């Protein structure tokens, strides 16, 4: 099925945002600057497209949470 212009533009925008976030290690201010948009607009688009951003801090929180939960079950 042929997508309309709106769907194609949104798809391209989503891919560009994800690529910029990957290149910036999830740092939104850097990604916004690379894309030439404000941080506020970037946050809006992340929410609009329901993008999941994995950052080094998030990875740290997951690892720490795993150890905290395993300590609770061991005791």
N, C-alpha and C. Protein backbone atom coordinates (compact mmCIF):
# COMPACT_ATOMS: atom_id res chain seq x y z
N UNK A 1 0.84 -1.17 0.00
CA UNK A 1 0.00 0.00 0.00
C UNK A 1 0.89 1.24 0.00
N UNK A 2 0.53 2.21 -0.81
CA UNK A 2 1.33 3.42 -0.94
C UNK A 2 1.00 4.39 0.19
N UNK A 3 2.04 4.79 0.92
CA UNK A 3 1.86 5.77 2.01
C UNK A 3 1.76 7.17 1.43
N UNK A 4 1.00 8.00 2.11
CA UNK A 4 0.88 9.38 1.71
C UNK A 4 2.10 10.18 2.14
N UNK A 5 2.13 11.42 1.73
CA UNK A 5 3.25 12.31 2.04
C UNK A 5 3.45 12.46 3.54
N UNK A 6 2.37 12.64 4.29
CA UNK A 6 2.45 12.84 5.74
C UNK A 6 3.15 11.64 6.40
N UNK A 7 2.75 10.44 6.04
CA UNK A 7 3.34 9.25 6.64
C UNK A 7 4.82 9.11 6.29
N UNK A 8 5.17 9.47 5.06
CA UNK A 8 6.57 9.38 4.65
C UNK A 8 7.43 10.41 5.38
N UNK A 9 6.90 11.62 5.53
CA UNK A 9 7.64 12.68 6.23
C UNK A 9 7.83 12.28 7.69
N UNK A 10 6.78 11.75 8.33
CA UNK A 10 6.89 11.32 9.73
C UNK A 10 7.88 10.18 9.89
N UNK A 11 7.90 9.27 8.95
CA UNK A 11 8.84 8.15 9.00
C UNK A 11 10.28 8.65 8.89
N UNK A 12 10.51 9.58 7.97
CA UNK A 12 11.85 10.15 7.81
C UNK A 12 12.25 10.92 9.06
N UNK A 13 11.33 11.71 9.60
CA UNK A 13 11.61 12.50 10.80
C UNK A 13 11.96 11.58 11.97
N UNK A 14 11.20 10.52 12.14
CA UNK A 14 11.44 9.55 13.22
C UNK A 14 12.83 8.93 13.08
N UNK A 15 13.19 8.51 11.89
CA UNK A 15 14.51 7.90 11.66
C UNK A 15 15.63 8.90 11.92
N UNK A 16 15.44 10.14 11.51
CA UNK A 16 16.47 11.17 11.74
C UNK A 16 16.64 11.46 13.23
N UNK A 17 15.55 11.49 13.97
CA UNK A 17 15.62 11.73 15.41
C UNK A 17 16.35 10.58 16.09
N UNK A 18 15.99 9.35 15.76
CA UNK A 18 16.66 8.20 16.36
C UNK A 18 18.15 8.18 16.03
N UNK A 19 18.50 8.50 14.81
CA UNK A 19 19.91 8.53 14.42
C UNK A 19 20.67 9.60 15.20
N UNK A 20 20.07 10.76 15.33
CA UNK A 20 20.72 11.85 16.07
C UNK A 20 20.89 11.49 17.54
N UNK A 21 19.90 10.83 18.12
CA UNK A 21 20.00 10.41 19.51
C UNK A 21 21.08 9.34 19.69
N UNK A 22 21.18 8.44 18.73
CA UNK A 22 22.25 7.42 18.80
C UNK A 22 23.62 8.07 18.74
N UNK A 23 23.79 9.00 17.80
CA UNK A 23 25.09 9.67 17.64
C UNK A 23 25.46 10.50 18.86
N UNK A 24 24.46 10.99 19.57
CA UNK A 24 24.71 11.85 20.74
C UNK A 24 24.65 11.07 22.05
N UNK A 25 24.66 9.74 21.97
CA UNK A 25 24.57 8.89 23.17
C UNK A 25 23.34 9.20 24.01
N UNK A 26 22.26 9.59 23.35
CA UNK A 26 21.01 9.85 24.05
C UNK A 26 20.92 11.23 24.69
N UNK A 27 21.93 12.06 24.49
CA UNK A 27 21.91 13.41 25.07
C UNK A 27 21.04 14.30 24.18
N UNK A 28 19.87 14.64 24.68
CA UNK A 28 18.87 15.32 23.87
C UNK A 28 19.32 16.69 23.41
N UNK A 29 20.06 17.42 24.23
CA UNK A 29 20.49 18.76 23.81
C UNK A 29 21.41 18.67 22.59
N UNK A 30 22.29 17.68 22.59
CA UNK A 30 23.18 17.51 21.43
C UNK A 30 22.41 17.05 20.20
N UNK A 31 21.47 16.15 20.39
CA UNK A 31 20.67 15.66 19.26
C UNK A 31 19.85 16.80 18.66
N UNK A 32 19.26 17.62 19.52
CA UNK A 32 18.46 18.75 19.03
C UNK A 32 19.32 19.71 18.23
N UNK A 33 20.52 19.99 18.74
CA UNK A 33 21.42 20.90 18.03
C UNK A 33 21.80 20.32 16.67
N UNK A 34 22.09 19.04 16.62
CA UNK A 34 22.46 18.39 15.35
C UNK A 34 21.31 18.43 14.35
N UNK A 35 20.08 18.36 14.86
CA UNK A 35 18.91 18.39 13.99
C UNK A 35 18.47 19.81 13.64
N UNK A 36 19.02 20.80 14.35
CA UNK A 36 18.63 22.19 14.09
C UNK A 36 17.27 22.55 14.65
N UNK A 37 16.90 21.88 15.77
CA UNK A 37 15.62 22.18 16.42
C UNK A 37 15.89 22.43 17.91
N UNK A 38 14.90 22.98 18.59
CA UNK A 38 15.06 23.22 20.03
C UNK A 38 14.88 21.92 20.80
N UNK A 39 15.37 21.91 22.03
CA UNK A 39 15.19 20.74 22.89
C UNK A 39 13.71 20.50 23.15
N UNK A 40 12.96 21.56 23.29
CA UNK A 40 11.52 21.44 23.53
C UNK A 40 10.82 20.73 22.37
N UNK A 41 11.16 21.12 21.14
CA UNK A 41 10.58 20.49 19.96
C UNK A 41 11.00 19.02 19.91
N UNK A 42 12.26 18.74 20.22
CA UNK A 42 12.72 17.35 20.21
C UNK A 42 11.94 16.52 21.23
N UNK A 43 11.78 17.04 22.44
CA UNK A 43 11.02 16.30 23.46
C UNK A 43 9.58 16.05 23.01
N UNK A 44 8.98 17.04 22.35
CA UNK A 44 7.62 16.88 21.83
C UNK A 44 7.57 15.75 20.80
N UNK A 45 8.55 15.72 19.90
CA UNK A 45 8.56 14.71 18.85
C UNK A 45 8.87 13.32 19.41
N UNK A 46 9.72 13.24 20.42
CA UNK A 46 9.99 11.96 21.08
C UNK A 46 8.70 11.41 21.68
N UNK A 47 7.93 12.29 22.32
CA UNK A 47 6.66 11.87 22.89
C UNK A 47 5.65 11.53 21.78
N UNK A 48 5.59 12.36 20.75
CA UNK A 48 4.66 12.14 19.64
C UNK A 48 4.86 10.77 18.99
N UNK A 49 6.13 10.41 18.75
CA UNK A 49 6.44 9.15 18.09
C UNK A 49 6.65 8.00 19.06
N UNK A 50 6.48 8.30 20.37
CA UNK A 50 6.62 7.29 21.42
C UNK A 50 7.96 6.56 21.30
N UNK A 51 9.02 7.35 21.19
CA UNK A 51 10.35 6.78 21.03
C UNK A 51 10.91 6.40 22.40
N UNK A 52 11.56 5.25 22.45
CA UNK A 52 12.24 4.79 23.65
C UNK A 52 13.71 5.13 23.50
N UNK A 53 14.24 5.92 24.42
CA UNK A 53 15.63 6.33 24.34
C UNK A 53 16.42 5.58 25.40
N UNK A 54 17.45 4.91 24.96
CA UNK A 54 18.32 4.19 25.88
C UNK A 54 19.59 5.00 26.06
N UNK A 55 19.83 5.44 27.27
CA UNK A 55 21.01 6.24 27.56
C UNK A 55 21.92 5.48 28.51
N UNK A 56 23.13 5.95 28.64
CA UNK A 56 24.06 5.31 29.57
C UNK A 56 23.52 5.38 30.99
N UNK A 57 22.87 6.48 31.36
CA UNK A 57 22.29 6.60 32.69
C UNK A 57 21.18 5.57 32.89
N UNK A 58 20.36 5.37 31.89
CA UNK A 58 19.30 4.38 31.97
C UNK A 58 19.90 2.99 32.15
N UNK A 59 20.95 2.67 31.40
CA UNK A 59 21.61 1.38 31.55
C UNK A 59 22.13 1.22 32.97
N UNK A 60 22.72 2.28 33.53
CA UNK A 60 23.23 2.25 34.90
C UNK A 60 22.09 1.97 35.88
N UNK A 61 20.97 2.67 35.71
CA UNK A 61 19.82 2.48 36.60
C UNK A 61 19.30 1.05 36.54
N UNK A 62 19.28 0.45 35.35
CA UNK A 62 18.81 -0.92 35.19
C UNK A 62 19.75 -1.88 35.93
N UNK A 63 21.03 -1.69 35.77
CA UNK A 63 22.02 -2.57 36.43
C UNK A 63 21.90 -2.44 37.95
N UNK A 64 21.85 -1.20 38.45
CA UNK A 64 21.73 -0.98 39.89
C UNK A 64 20.42 -1.58 40.41
N UNK A 65 19.34 -1.36 39.69
CA UNK A 65 18.05 -1.92 40.09
C UNK A 65 18.08 -3.43 40.16
N UNK A 66 18.79 -4.06 39.23
CA UNK A 66 18.91 -5.52 39.23
C UNK A 66 19.59 -6.00 40.51
N UNK A 67 20.68 -5.33 40.90
CA UNK A 67 21.40 -5.73 42.10
C UNK A 67 20.58 -5.48 43.36
N UNK A 68 19.85 -4.38 43.39
CA UNK A 68 19.02 -4.08 44.56
C UNK A 68 17.93 -5.15 44.69
N UNK A 69 17.29 -5.49 43.58
CA UNK A 69 16.22 -6.49 43.61
C UNK A 69 16.77 -7.87 43.97
N UNK A 70 17.96 -8.22 43.49
CA UNK A 70 18.52 -9.53 43.81
C UNK A 70 18.92 -9.61 45.28
N UNK A 71 19.36 -8.48 45.87
CA UNK A 71 19.65 -8.46 47.31
C UNK A 71 18.40 -8.68 48.15
N UNK A 72 17.27 -8.13 47.70
CA UNK A 72 16.02 -8.27 48.44
C UNK A 72 15.54 -9.71 48.43
N UNK A 73 15.71 -10.39 47.30
CA UNK A 73 15.25 -11.78 47.21
C UNK A 73 16.21 -12.74 47.90
N UNK A 74 17.48 -12.35 48.04
CA UNK A 74 18.47 -13.23 48.67
C UNK A 74 18.31 -13.21 50.20
N UNK A 75 17.79 -12.10 50.75
CA UNK A 75 17.75 -11.92 52.20
C UNK A 75 16.54 -12.48 52.79
